[in-house]
Every structure is written in C-alpha cells, then in structure tokens.
C-alpha atoms as a PDB file:
ATOM      1  CA  MET A   1       0.027   0.035  -0.016  1.00  0.00           C
ATOM      2  CA  SER A   2       1.137   3.473  -0.745  1.00  0.00           C
ATOM      3  CA  GLU A   3      -0.355   5.178   2.235  1.00  0.00           C
ATOM      4  CA  LYS A   4       2.162   6.367   4.846  1.00  0.00           C
ATOM      5  CA  VAL A   5       1.484   4.887   8.479  1.00  0.00           C
ATOM      6  CA  VAL A   6       2.935   6.013  11.668  1.00  0.00           C
ATOM      7  CA  PHE A   7       2.381   3.341  14.487  1.00  0.00           C
ATOM      8  CA  MET A   8       1.913   3.783  18.245  1.00  0.00           C
ATOM      9  CA  GLY A   9       2.313   1.103  20.794  1.00  0.00           C
ATOM     10  CA  SER A  10       4.459  -0.587  23.375  1.00  0.00           C
ATOM     11  CA  PRO A  11       4.031  -4.121  24.670  1.00  0.00           C
ATOM     12  CA  ASP A  12       4.129  -7.677  23.061  1.00  0.00           C
ATOM     13  CA  LEU A  13       0.610  -7.347  21.963  1.00  0.00           C
ATOM     14  CA  ALA A  14       1.386  -4.067  20.004  1.00  0.00           C
ATOM     15  CA  ALA A  15       4.525  -5.700  18.463  1.00  0.00           C
ATOM     16  CA  LYS A  16       2.675  -8.460  17.088  1.00  0.00           C
ATOM     17  CA  ILE A  17       0.039  -5.853  15.406  1.00  0.00           C
ATOM     18  CA  LEU A  18       3.139  -4.032  14.048  1.00  0.00           C
ATOM     19  CA  GLU A  19       4.468  -7.255  12.526  1.00  0.00           C
ATOM     20  CA  SER A  20       1.198  -7.697  10.714  1.00  0.00           C
ATOM     21  CA  LEU A  21       0.984  -4.026   9.657  1.00  0.00           C
ATOM     22  CA  VAL A  22       4.243  -3.961   8.008  1.00  0.00           C
ATOM     23  CA  THR A  23       3.375  -6.883   5.701  1.00  0.00           C
ATOM     24  CA  LYS A  24       0.991  -4.550   3.783  1.00  0.00           C
ATOM     25  CA  TYR A  25       1.729  -0.949   4.682  1.00  0.00           C
ATOM     26  CA  ARG A  26       4.626   1.561   4.581  1.00  0.00           C
ATOM     27  CA  VAL A  27       5.300   2.263   8.329  1.00  0.00           C
ATOM     28  CA  VAL A  28       7.390   5.600   8.264  1.00  0.00           C
ATOM     29  CA  GLY A  29       7.719   5.968  11.903  1.00  0.00           C
ATOM     30  CA  VAL A  30       7.034   4.454  15.453  1.00  0.00           C
ATOM     31  CA  VAL A  31       6.175   6.182  18.758  1.00  0.00           C
ATOM     32  CA  THR A  32       6.650   3.939  21.779  1.00  0.00           C
ATOM     33  CA  GLN A  33       7.329   4.380  25.566  1.00  0.00           C
ATOM     34  CA  PRO A  34      10.754   5.320  26.807  1.00  0.00           C
ATOM     35  CA  ASP A  35      13.145   2.397  27.913  1.00  0.00           C
ATOM     36  CA  ARG A  36      12.249   1.451  31.644  1.00  0.00           C
ATOM     37  CA  PRO A  37      14.092  -0.609  34.409  1.00  0.00           C
ATOM     38  CA  ALA A  38      12.934  -4.243  34.304  1.00  0.00           C
ATOM     39  CA  GLY A  39      13.629  -7.456  36.116  1.00  0.00           C
ATOM     40  CA  ARG A  40      15.357  -8.304  39.473  1.00  0.00           C
ATOM     41  CA  GLY A  41      18.461  -6.310  38.234  1.00  0.00           C
ATOM     42  CA  LYS A  42      16.390  -3.356  37.006  1.00  0.00           C
ATOM     43  CA  ILE A  43      18.267  -3.269  33.777  1.00  0.00           C
ATOM     44  CA  LEU A  44      17.060  -0.518  31.401  1.00  0.00           C
ATOM     45  CA  THR A  45      14.888  -2.302  28.753  1.00  0.00           C
ATOM     46  CA  SER A  46      13.264  -1.260  25.611  1.00  0.00           C
ATOM     47  CA  PRO A  47       9.609  -1.946  25.032  1.00  0.00           C
ATOM     48  CA  PRO A  48       8.962  -4.647  22.647  1.00  0.00           C
ATOM     49  CA  VAL A  49       7.675  -2.434  19.892  1.00  0.00           C
ATOM     50  CA  LYS A  50      11.092  -0.714  20.120  1.00  0.00           C
ATOM     51  CA  VAL A  51      13.036  -3.772  19.728  1.00  0.00           C
ATOM     52  CA  LEU A  52      10.903  -4.814  16.608  1.00  0.00           C
ATOM     53  CA  ALA A  53      11.187  -1.292  15.208  1.00  0.00           C
ATOM     54  CA  ASP A  54      14.967  -1.489  15.385  1.00  0.00           C
ATOM     55  CA  GLN A  55      15.064  -4.808  13.769  1.00  0.00           C
ATOM     56  CA  LEU A  56      12.874  -3.553  10.862  1.00  0.00           C
ATOM     57  CA  GLY A  57      14.822  -0.357  10.446  1.00  0.00           C
ATOM     58  CA  ILE A  58      11.938   1.980  11.263  1.00  0.00           C
ATOM     59  CA  ALA A  59      12.619   5.334  12.767  1.00  0.00           C
ATOM     60  CA  THR A  60      11.511   5.525  16.332  1.00  0.00           C
ATOM     61  CA  ILE A  61      10.836   8.107  19.044  1.00  0.00           C
ATOM     62  CA  GLN A  62      10.229   7.471  22.679  1.00  0.00           C
ATOM     63  CA  PRO A  63       8.631  10.609  24.384  1.00  0.00           C
ATOM     64  CA  GLU A  64       7.282  10.749  27.922  1.00  0.00           C
ATOM     65  CA  ARG A  65       4.475  12.696  26.415  1.00  0.00           C
ATOM     66  CA  LEU A  66       3.400  13.576  22.894  1.00  0.00           C
ATOM     67  CA  LYS A  67       4.242  17.264  23.197  1.00  0.00           C
ATOM     68  CA  ASP A  68       5.804  19.851  20.929  1.00  0.00           C
ATOM     69  CA  GLU A  69       9.094  17.989  19.848  1.00  0.00           C
ATOM     70  CA  ALA A  70       7.299  14.758  19.452  1.00  0.00           C
ATOM     71  CA  PHE A  71       4.352  16.271  17.451  1.00  0.00           C
ATOM     72  CA  ALA A  72       6.762  18.076  15.307  1.00  0.00           C
ATOM     73  CA  GLN A  73       8.324  14.715  14.391  1.00  0.00           C
ATOM     74  CA  LEU A  74       4.749  13.405  13.605  1.00  0.00           C
ATOM     75  CA  GLN A  75       4.216  16.350  11.471  1.00  0.00           C
ATOM     76  CA  ALA A  76       7.531  15.725   9.629  1.00  0.00           C
ATOM     77  CA  TRP A  77       6.457  11.999   9.083  1.00  0.00           C
ATOM     78  CA  ASN A  78       3.252  13.325   7.543  1.00  0.00           C
ATOM     79  CA  PRO A  79       1.230  10.171   7.989  1.00  0.00           C
ATOM     80  CA  ASP A  80      -1.889   9.381   6.007  1.00  0.00           C
ATOM     81  CA  VAL A  81      -3.067   7.279   9.074  1.00  0.00           C
ATOM     82  CA  ILE A  82      -1.864   6.652  12.695  1.00  0.00           C
ATOM     83  CA  VAL A  83      -2.525   3.175  13.961  1.00  0.00           C
ATOM     84  CA  VAL A  84      -2.489   2.680  17.907  1.00  0.00           C
ATOM     85  CA  ALA A  85      -2.274  -0.348  19.887  1.00  0.00           C
ATOM     86  CA  ALA A  86      -1.698  -0.591  23.620  1.00  0.00           C
ATOM     87  CA  PHE A  87       0.237   2.881  23.518  1.00  0.00           C
ATOM     88  CA  GLY A  88      -0.556   3.818  27.013  1.00  0.00           C
ATOM     89  CA  GLN A  89      -1.037   7.559  26.410  1.00  0.00           C
ATOM     90  CA  ILE A  90      -4.077   9.698  25.529  1.00  0.00           C
ATOM     91  CA  LEU A  91      -3.846  11.437  22.149  1.00  0.00           C
ATOM     92  CA  ARG A  92      -4.604  15.164  22.242  1.00  0.00           C
ATOM     93  CA  GLN A  93      -7.092  16.436  19.617  1.00  0.00           C
ATOM     94  CA  ARG A  94      -4.139  17.840  17.238  1.00  0.00           C
ATOM     95  CA  VAL A  95      -2.749  14.316  16.906  1.00  0.00           C
ATOM     96  CA  LEU A  96      -6.156  12.930  16.208  1.00  0.00           C
ATOM     97  CA  ASP A  97      -6.596  15.424  13.519  1.00  0.00           C
ATOM     98  CA  LEU A  98      -3.190  15.178  11.794  1.00  0.00           C
ATOM     99  CA  PRO A  99      -3.543  12.151   9.619  1.00  0.00           C
ATOM    100  CA  LYS A 100      -5.963  12.437   6.685  1.00  0.00           C
ATOM    101  CA  PHE A 101      -7.758   9.074   7.685  1.00  0.00           C
ATOM    102  CA  GLY A 102      -7.406   9.843  11.304  1.00  0.00           C
ATOM    103  CA  CYS A 103      -6.227   7.464  14.197  1.00  0.00           C
ATOM    104  CA  ILE A 104      -7.252   3.803  14.208  1.00  0.00           C
ATOM    105  CA  ASN A 105      -7.067   1.853  17.281  1.00  0.00           C
ATOM    106  CA  VAL A 106      -6.656  -1.882  17.940  1.00  0.00           C
ATOM    107  CA  HIS A 107      -8.424  -2.421  21.246  1.00  0.00           C
ATOM    108  CA  ALA A 108      -8.309  -5.689  23.090  1.00  0.00           C
ATOM    109  CA  SER A 109     -12.065  -6.045  23.937  1.00  0.00           C
ATOM    110  CA  TYR A 110     -15.516  -6.312  22.557  1.00  0.00           C
ATOM    111  CA  LEU A 111     -16.461  -2.570  23.013  1.00  0.00           C
ATOM    112  CA  PRO A 112     -18.157  -0.953  24.766  1.00  0.00           C
ATOM    113  CA  ARG A 113     -17.231  -3.581  27.406  1.00  0.00           C
ATOM    114  CA  TRP A 114     -13.819  -3.110  29.041  1.00  0.00           C
ATOM    115  CA  ARG A 115     -12.843   0.360  27.817  1.00  0.00           C
ATOM    116  CA  GLY A 116      -9.547   1.427  29.246  1.00  0.00           C
ATOM    117  CA  ALA A 117      -5.908   0.252  30.160  1.00  0.00           C
ATOM    118  CA  ALA A 118      -6.324  -3.364  31.204  1.00  0.00           C
ATOM    119  CA  PRO A 119      -9.234  -5.010  29.182  1.00  0.00           C
ATOM    120  CA  ILE A 120      -7.719  -8.424  28.827  1.00  0.00           C
ATOM    121  CA  GLN A 121      -7.132  -8.655  32.656  1.00  0.00           C
ATOM    122  CA  ALA A 122     -10.589  -7.523  33.367  1.00  0.00           C
ATOM    123  CA  ALA A 123     -12.291 -10.151  31.060  1.00  0.00           C
ATOM    124  CA  ILE A 124     -10.636 -12.728  33.031  1.00  0.00           C
ATOM    125  CA  LEU A 125     -11.177 -11.363  36.402  1.00  0.00           C
ATOM    126  CA  HIS A 126     -14.860 -10.999  35.792  1.00  0.00           C
ATOM    127  CA  GLY A 127     -15.387 -14.487  34.493  1.00  0.00           C
ATOM    128  CA  ASP A 128     -16.626 -13.186  31.051  1.00  0.00           C
ATOM    129  CA  GLU A 129     -17.745 -15.680  28.517  1.00  0.00           C
ATOM    130  CA  PHE A 130     -16.027 -13.737  25.745  1.00  0.00           C
ATOM    131  CA  THR A 131     -14.024 -10.796  24.873  1.00  0.00           C
ATOM    132  CA  GLY A 132     -12.744  -9.765  21.427  1.00  0.00           C
ATOM    133  CA  VAL A 133     -10.943  -7.265  19.343  1.00  0.00           C
ATOM    134  CA  SER A 134     -12.411  -3.935  18.140  1.00  0.00           C
ATOM    135  CA  ILE A 135     -10.850  -1.707  15.490  1.00  0.00           C
ATOM    136  CA  MET A 136     -12.128   1.650  15.911  1.00  0.00           C
ATOM    137  CA  LYS A 137     -11.723   5.180  14.805  1.00  0.00           C
ATOM    138  CA  MET A 138     -10.259   7.372  17.693  1.00  0.00           C
ATOM    139  CA  ASP A 139     -12.015  10.322  19.228  1.00  0.00           C
ATOM    140  CA  ALA A 140     -11.205  12.372  22.384  1.00  0.00           C
ATOM    141  CA  GLY A 141     -12.662   9.991  24.644  1.00  0.00           C
ATOM    142  CA  ILE A 142     -11.004   6.684  26.125  1.00  0.00           C
ATOM    143  CA  ASP A 143     -11.950   3.935  23.690  1.00  0.00           C
ATOM    144  CA  THR A 144     -15.348   5.633  22.844  1.00  0.00           C
ATOM    145  CA  GLY A 145     -14.802   6.056  19.176  1.00  0.00           C
ATOM    146  CA  PRO A 146     -16.927   4.459  16.367  1.00  0.00           C
ATOM    147  CA  ILE A 147     -16.209   0.935  15.290  1.00  0.00           C
ATOM    148  CA  LEU A 148     -14.936  -0.205  12.013  1.00  0.00           C
ATOM    149  CA  ILE A 149     -15.036  -3.935  12.795  1.00  0.00           C
ATOM    150  CA  GLN A 150     -14.889  -6.146  15.773  1.00  0.00           C
ATOM    151  CA  GLU A 151     -14.969  -9.967  16.492  1.00  0.00           C
ATOM    152  CA  LYS A 152     -15.532 -11.993  19.609  1.00  0.00           C
ATOM    153  CA  VAL A 153     -13.167 -14.428  21.244  1.00  0.00           C
ATOM    154  CA  TYR A 154     -14.510 -17.080  23.686  1.00  0.00           C
ATOM    155  CA  LEU A 155     -12.406 -17.560  26.767  1.00  0.00           C
ATOM    156  CA  ALA A 156     -10.988 -21.036  27.472  1.00  0.00           C
ATOM    157  CA  GLU A 157     -11.649 -22.557  30.950  1.00  0.00           C
ATOM    158  CA  ASN A 158      -8.247 -21.891  32.271  1.00  0.00           C
ATOM    159  CA  GLU A 159      -7.412 -18.880  30.204  1.00  0.00           C
ATOM    160  CA  THR A 160      -4.361 -16.765  31.452  1.00  0.00           C
ATOM    161  CA  LEU A 161      -3.329 -13.276  30.644  1.00  0.00           C
ATOM    162  CA  THR A 162      -0.549 -14.882  28.278  1.00  0.00           C
ATOM    163  CA  SER A 163      -2.882 -17.106  26.314  1.00  0.00           C
ATOM    164  CA  LEU A 164      -5.676 -14.671  25.866  1.00  0.00           C
ATOM    165  CA  THR A 165      -3.185 -11.945  24.801  1.00  0.00           C
ATOM    166  CA  ASP A 166      -1.595 -14.284  22.169  1.00  0.00           C
ATOM    167  CA  LYS A 167      -5.075 -14.950  20.827  1.00  0.00           C
ATOM    168  CA  LEU A 168      -6.161 -11.261  20.673  1.00  0.00           C
ATOM    169  CA  SER A 169      -2.958 -10.105  19.163  1.00  0.00           C
ATOM    170  CA  ILE A 170      -3.128 -12.654  16.236  1.00  0.00           C
ATOM    171  CA  LEU A 171      -6.721 -11.718  15.662  1.00  0.00           C
ATOM    172  CA  GLY A 172      -6.024  -8.071  16.039  1.00  0.00           C
ATOM    173  CA  GLY A 173      -3.407  -7.984  13.384  1.00  0.00           C
ATOM    174  CA  SER A 174      -5.690  -9.776  10.945  1.00  0.00           C
ATOM    175  CA  LEU A 175      -8.700  -7.582  11.505  1.00  0.00           C
ATOM    176  CA  LEU A 176      -6.536  -4.480  11.389  1.00  0.00           C
ATOM    177  CA  LEU A 177      -5.431  -5.342   7.808  1.00  0.00           C
ATOM    178  CA  ASP A 178      -9.095  -6.079   6.674  1.00  0.00           C
ATOM    179  CA  ALA A 179     -10.484  -2.995   8.248  1.00  0.00           C
ATOM    180  CA  LEU A 180      -7.823  -0.659   7.222  1.00  0.00           C
ATOM    181  CA  GLU A 181      -7.759  -1.510   3.422  1.00  0.00           C
ATOM    182  CA  ASP A 182     -11.662  -1.164   3.335  1.00  0.00           C
ATOM    183  CA  TYR A 183     -11.667   2.039   5.287  1.00  0.00           C
ATOM    184  CA  ILE A 184      -8.936   3.700   3.289  1.00  0.00           C
ATOM    185  CA  ALA A 185     -10.788   2.557   0.145  1.00  0.00           C
ATOM    186  CA  GLY A 186     -14.046   3.905   1.288  1.00  0.00           C
ATOM    187  CA  ARG A 187     -15.823   0.846   1.565  1.00  0.00           C
ATOM    188  CA  LEU A 188     -16.146   0.760   5.357  1.00  0.00           C
ATOM    189  CA  SER A 189     -17.545   3.548   7.563  1.00  0.00           C
ATOM    190  CA  PRO A 190     -17.257   3.779  11.391  1.00  0.00           C
ATOM    191  CA  THR A 191     -20.538   2.810  13.336  1.00  0.00           C
ATOM    192  CA  PRO A 192     -20.989   4.579  16.795  1.00  0.00           C
ATOM    193  CA  GLN A 193     -20.745   2.206  19.862  1.00  0.00           C
ATOM    194  CA  PRO A 194     -23.832   1.144  21.550  1.00  0.00           C
ATOM    195  CA  GLU A 195     -24.972   3.581  24.223  1.00  0.00           C
ATOM    196  CA  SER A 196     -25.297   1.015  26.973  1.00  0.00           C
ATOM    197  CA  GLY A 197     -23.312  -1.886  28.215  1.00  0.00           C
ATOM    198  CA  ASP A 198     -20.123   0.185  28.748  1.00  0.00           C
ATOM    199  CA  THR A 199     -17.571  -0.796  31.400  1.00  0.00           C
ATOM    200  CA  TYR A 200     -14.065   0.544  32.285  1.00  0.00           C
ATOM    201  CA  ALA A 201     -10.861  -1.398  33.133  1.00  0.00           C
ATOM    202  CA  GLY A 202      -8.419   1.086  34.734  1.00  0.00           C
ATOM    203  CA  MET A 203      -4.773   0.808  34.869  1.00  0.00           C
ATOM    204  CA  LEU A 204      -3.330  -1.866  37.422  1.00  0.00           C
ATOM    205  CA  ASN A 205      -0.554  -1.309  39.764  1.00  0.00           C
ATOM    206  CA  LYS A 206       1.487  -3.833  41.971  1.00  0.00           C
ATOM    207  CA  GLU A 207      -0.879  -3.552  44.921  1.00  0.00           C
ATOM    208  CA  ASP A 208      -3.761  -4.841  42.854  1.00  0.00           C
ATOM    209  CA  GLY A 209      -1.936  -8.338  42.853  1.00  0.00           C
ATOM    210  CA  LEU A 210      -2.486  -8.876  46.585  1.00  0.00           C
ATOM    211  CA  LEU A 211      -4.360 -12.086  47.195  1.00  0.00           C
ATOM    212  CA  ASP A 212      -7.263 -11.912  49.770  1.00  0.00           C
ATOM    213  CA  PHE A 213      -8.163 -15.444  51.019  1.00  0.00           C
ATOM    214  CA  SER A 214     -11.524 -14.075  52.501  1.00  0.00           C
ATOM    215  CA  LYS A 215     -12.615 -14.016  48.750  1.00  0.00           C
ATOM    216  CA  SER A 216     -13.972 -17.032  46.868  1.00  0.00           C
ATOM    217  CA  ALA A 217     -11.729 -19.673  45.692  1.00  0.00           C
ATOM    218  CA  ILE A 218     -12.842 -19.137  42.118  1.00  0.00           C
ATOM    219  CA  ALA A 219     -12.089 -15.289  42.374  1.00  0.00           C
ATOM    220  CA  ILE A 220      -8.518 -16.077  43.557  1.00  0.00           C
ATOM    221  CA  ASP A 221      -7.942 -18.464  40.783  1.00  0.00           C
ATOM    222  CA  ARG A 222      -9.363 -15.852  38.225  1.00  0.00           C
ATOM    223  CA  LYS A 223      -6.905 -13.243  39.721  1.00  0.00           C
ATOM    224  CA  VAL A 224      -3.897 -15.457  39.639  1.00  0.00           C
ATOM    225  CA  ARG A 225      -4.778 -16.202  35.687  1.00  0.00           C
ATOM    226  CA  ALA A 226      -5.572 -12.688  35.029  1.00  0.00           C
ATOM    227  CA  LEU A 227      -2.657 -10.804  36.539  1.00  0.00           C
ATOM    228  CA  ASN A 228       0.376 -13.003  35.697  1.00  0.00           C
ATOM    229  CA  ASP A 229       2.839 -11.976  34.538  1.00  0.00           C
ATOM    230  CA  TRP A 230       1.855  -8.260  35.409  1.00  0.00           C
ATOM    231  CA  PRO A 231       1.340  -7.124  37.903  1.00  0.00           C
ATOM    232  CA  GLY A 232       1.730 -10.578  39.284  1.00  0.00           C
ATOM    233  CA  THR A 233      -0.162 -11.969  42.491  1.00  0.00           C
ATOM    234  CA  PHE A 234       1.185 -12.370  45.967  1.00  0.00           C
ATOM    235  CA  PHE A 235       0.384 -12.489  49.578  1.00  0.00           C
ATOM    236  CA  ASP A 236       2.312 -12.025  52.819  1.00  0.00           C
ATOM    237  CA  ILE A 237       3.561 -15.183  54.937  1.00  0.00           C
ATOM    238  CA  ASN A 238       5.421 -14.471  58.239  1.00  0.00           C
ATOM    239  CA  GLY A 239       6.463 -10.929  56.981  1.00  0.00           C
ATOM    240  CA  GLN A 240       7.750 -12.210  53.542  1.00  0.00           C
ATOM    241  CA  VAL A 241       6.175 -11.897  50.017  1.00  0.00           C
ATOM    242  CA  LEU A 242       5.186 -15.048  48.409  1.00  0.00           C
ATOM    243  CA  LYS A 243       4.532 -14.558  44.716  1.00  0.00           C
ATOM    244  CA  VAL A 244       2.038 -17.107  43.140  1.00  0.00           C
ATOM    245  CA  ARG A 245       1.881 -17.880  39.471  1.00  0.00           C
ATOM    246  CA  LYS A 246      -0.342 -20.975  39.108  1.00  0.00           C
ATOM    247  CA  VAL A 247      -3.039 -22.391  41.420  1.00  0.00           C
ATOM    248  CA  LYS A 248      -5.906 -24.976  41.426  1.00  0.00           C
ATOM    249  CA  ILE A 249      -8.976 -24.841  43.409  1.00  0.00           C
ATOM    250  CA  GLN A 250     -10.691 -27.563  45.305  1.00  0.00           C
ATOM    251  CA  ASN A 251     -14.191 -27.299  46.567  1.00  0.00           C
ATOM    252  CA  SER A 252     -15.205 -28.055  50.241  1.00  0.00           C
ATOM    253  CA  GLU A 253     -17.588 -27.288  52.914  1.00  0.00           C
ATOM    254  CA  THR A 254     -17.866 -23.719  54.239  1.00  0.00           C
ATOM    255  CA  GLN A 255     -14.909 -23.154  56.463  1.00  0.00           C
ATOM    256  CA  PRO A 256     -12.816 -20.263  57.841  1.00  0.00           C
ATOM    257  CA  ALA A 257     -10.663 -18.453  55.545  1.00  0.00           C
ATOM    258  CA  GLY A 258      -6.646 -18.492  55.679  1.00  0.00           C
ATOM    259  CA  MET A 259      -6.207 -21.841  57.068  1.00  0.00           C
ATOM    260  CA  ARG A 260      -2.885 -23.721  55.776  1.00  0.00           C
ATOM    261  CA  SER A 261      -2.855 -27.335  54.893  1.00  0.00           C
ATOM    262  CA  VAL A 262      -1.226 -29.750  52.454  1.00  0.00           C
ATOM    263  CA  LEU A 263      -3.362 -31.216  49.781  1.00  0.00           C
ATOM    264  CA  ASP A 264      -2.122 -33.434  46.915  1.00  0.00           C
ATOM    265  CA  LYS A 265       1.321 -32.656  48.238  1.00  0.00           C
ATOM    266  CA  VAL A 266       1.262 -29.112  47.620  1.00  0.00           C
ATOM    267  CA  PRO A 267       0.615 -26.122  49.975  1.00  0.00           C
ATOM    268  CA  ALA A 268      -2.984 -24.967  50.314  1.00  0.00           C
ATOM    269  CA  ILE A 269      -4.928 -22.136  51.776  1.00  0.00           C
ATOM    270  CA  SER A 270      -8.634 -22.135  52.672  1.00  0.00           C
ATOM    271  CA  THR A 271     -11.208 -19.695  51.460  1.00  0.00           C
ATOM    272  CA  PRO A 272     -14.974 -19.469  52.442  1.00  0.00           C
ATOM    273  CA  ASP A 273     -15.998 -21.972  49.682  1.00  0.00           C
ATOM    274  CA  GLY A 274     -12.852 -24.046  48.991  1.00  0.00           C
ATOM    275  CA  TRP A 275      -9.146 -24.654  48.976  1.00  0.00           C
ATOM    276  CA  VAL A 276      -6.543 -22.880  46.832  1.00  0.00           C
ATOM    277  CA  LEU A 277      -3.830 -25.105  46.072  1.00  0.00           C
ATOM    278  CA  LEU A 278      -0.390 -23.290  45.380  1.00  0.00           C
ATOM    279  CA  LEU A 279       1.186 -24.915  42.264  1.00  0.00           C
ATOM    280  CA  GLU A 280       3.975 -22.551  41.431  1.00  0.00           C
ATOM    281  CA  VAL A 281       5.253 -20.008  43.703  1.00  0.00           C
ATOM    282  CA  GLN A 282       8.354 -17.681  44.276  1.00  0.00           C
ATOM    283  CA  PRO A 283       9.641 -16.939  47.796  1.00  0.00           C
ATOM    284  CA  ALA A 284      11.417 -13.599  48.362  1.00  0.00           C
ATOM    285  CA  GLY A 285      14.741 -13.671  46.913  1.00  0.00           C
ATOM    286  CA  LYS A 286      14.350 -17.289  45.070  1.00  0.00           C
ATOM    287  CA  LYS A 287      13.380 -18.426  41.778  1.00  0.00           C
ATOM    288  CA  TRP A 288       9.879 -19.724  40.729  1.00  0.00           C
ATOM    289  CA  MET A 289       9.400 -23.375  41.975  1.00  0.00           C
ATOM    290  CA  PRO A 290       6.670 -25.981  42.213  1.00  0.00           C
ATOM    291  CA  GLY A 291       4.666 -25.887  45.444  1.00  0.00           C
ATOM    292  CA  THR A 292       6.061 -29.285  46.407  1.00  0.00           C
ATOM    293  CA  ASP A 293       9.617 -27.861  46.310  1.00  0.00           C
ATOM    294  CA  PHE A 294       8.513 -24.893  48.418  1.00  0.00           C
ATOM    295  CA  LEU A 295       7.049 -27.204  51.253  1.00  0.00           C
ATOM    296  CA  ARG A 296      10.345 -28.911  51.563  1.00  0.00           C
ATOM    297  CA  GLY A 297      12.017 -25.526  52.418  1.00  0.00           C
ATOM    298  CA  PHE A 298       9.232 -24.179  54.540  1.00  0.00           C
ATOM    299  CA  GLN A 299       8.931 -25.727  57.997  1.00  0.00           C
ATOM    300  CA  ASN A 300       5.697 -26.316  59.764  1.00  0.00           C
ATOM    301  CA  TRP A 301       3.418 -25.041  56.813  1.00  0.00           C
ATOM    302  CA  GLU A 302       0.368 -26.402  58.375  1.00  0.00           C
ATOM    303  CA  THR A 303       1.046 -24.963  62.060  1.00  0.00           C
ATOM    304  CA  ASP A 304       3.091 -21.838  61.565  1.00  0.00           C
END
C-alpha cells in the first residue's frame, strides 16, 4: 500500500500488531514508551515495539508525552493514518486531527465492554464468557470512538493473561489489515458504539496483585490467571512476600478463610468456599518453583 502509516504502541501485543501491519503498509515511523528498568536487576529495557522497530529499520521516538518536539516529528512523517495499539498515552486532538484518515485503534475487548488500560485482565477477572478485538476510529474519549470492525473471542476454561493476549494479538493483526484496507478505500464506515453496556478497566498497579483469601476460591483463581505476569499476584506470609503464578481450586464445605494445609502434596490455603492449591510460587529472593519444592524448604506450613 502507498499510504504512509505511523504506529504507536509498546508491549508484546502491540509488537505483534506491528508485525502484521508492515506486511501490507509503509510504516514511516514508530512512537513507543521510553526504556524502563525491568527484572530483578532493574536493567534498562526497551519496550517490545522498540526492539521490533529497530530490527525492521523503522525510525522511532520514545517521548514521555506527545508534546511539541514529538508532535513536530509526527508532522515531519506526515502520515496518512496513525495506528494505535496499547500505547499507554491519551492522544490530544491535534494528533487525532493530523492524519488524513485519522487515528485507528486496535483495542483488545469487545467494545463497549472494558474500555481502558487493562481490558484483557478485566475479562478474566470477571469471568466473562467472551471478549474480543475492536478496530475503531479514535475520538477524544477513552476507547469511545466509532467501530470499524470487531470480532468475539471466547475464553477457555483456564484462560491466562498470556494465552488470551496471544489470541487477541493474532486476531487484532488480521482484523486491522482487513479494516484498514476497506476503510481507506471508502468501503467501510465507522459505526457509533452502543449507548449501553459500557464498562471500564483502569490501569493496574502492583498492589492490585494482593491475594485476599476471604474472597471465593474461584475469584482467587481468576485473579492469578488474569494478573500474571503483570502485575503478578502475591500474599504475605510471616512478613515475607510469596508470589503465586499458578493455582488449582478444590471445593469443600464452608470453612474459615486463611487456614493452611497440604493437599495433593502441595501447600493449600482455605477460602470460604474451597481450597486454593499453590502449584507454582516464588519466595522472596528465590526463583519460581513448584509448590512441592516450596514445602520442603518451609518448616511447619500447616501449623506456623
């Protein structure tokens, strides 16, 4: 395609969208988040979109905010359309108005459900039957723009953030190419979102990962699956943080919450409606390990 495209995005999902986009369009520039400290060593790390853009030889800027200098670069690239996927910044009106065909967003939910920064996590947390991908023309609101095309994705029984993100990124890349071609050619027009059924999934932080065993076992299971690997789930035990990456629930009669036991040779904690078995954990300062290995190094799990 001869149209010039600028792409805005940062995480793995966005990188996979960019991989699809470059197969049919001339991406003249990329805007992504600045490098951030990551991992236990807090090593300065580029976002996945920056890594891919470097590999593809695409010019990239990494502004904290899309202010004057960054906007001047956008003007210099003179895009016909801007494609946005999990960028993490709200676009000002002058950016929305810059391209001839506007700004097109790839959003990982079936809008208007789960507008906002964490739609994939929200779908798992709330036990949704399905989510999806929506390709929309952006307006000044947060994920409120009219829809070009959208498609549902049904959640598997044990869906995780990683598995669902993979599904939605593949679908998103495919839908984007279909929608963009028809939209630019004038064969597809945006349709306003429904006026009802909207929900919002706000940005997550580390504190959101705290596990509360006074909640139901299924709520804890959903939380572990929804928030790994970011922001991750954890709880405090004897003044130390124990991170949790995989659990299994076992129903039982009503019981006090927070009791500790060993079930199927792994550590377990009670909730009001069942047991949560800790299949994979990470003690402070240690690597991830099976729950069985954790038990061997933790004395008196049942009575401590």
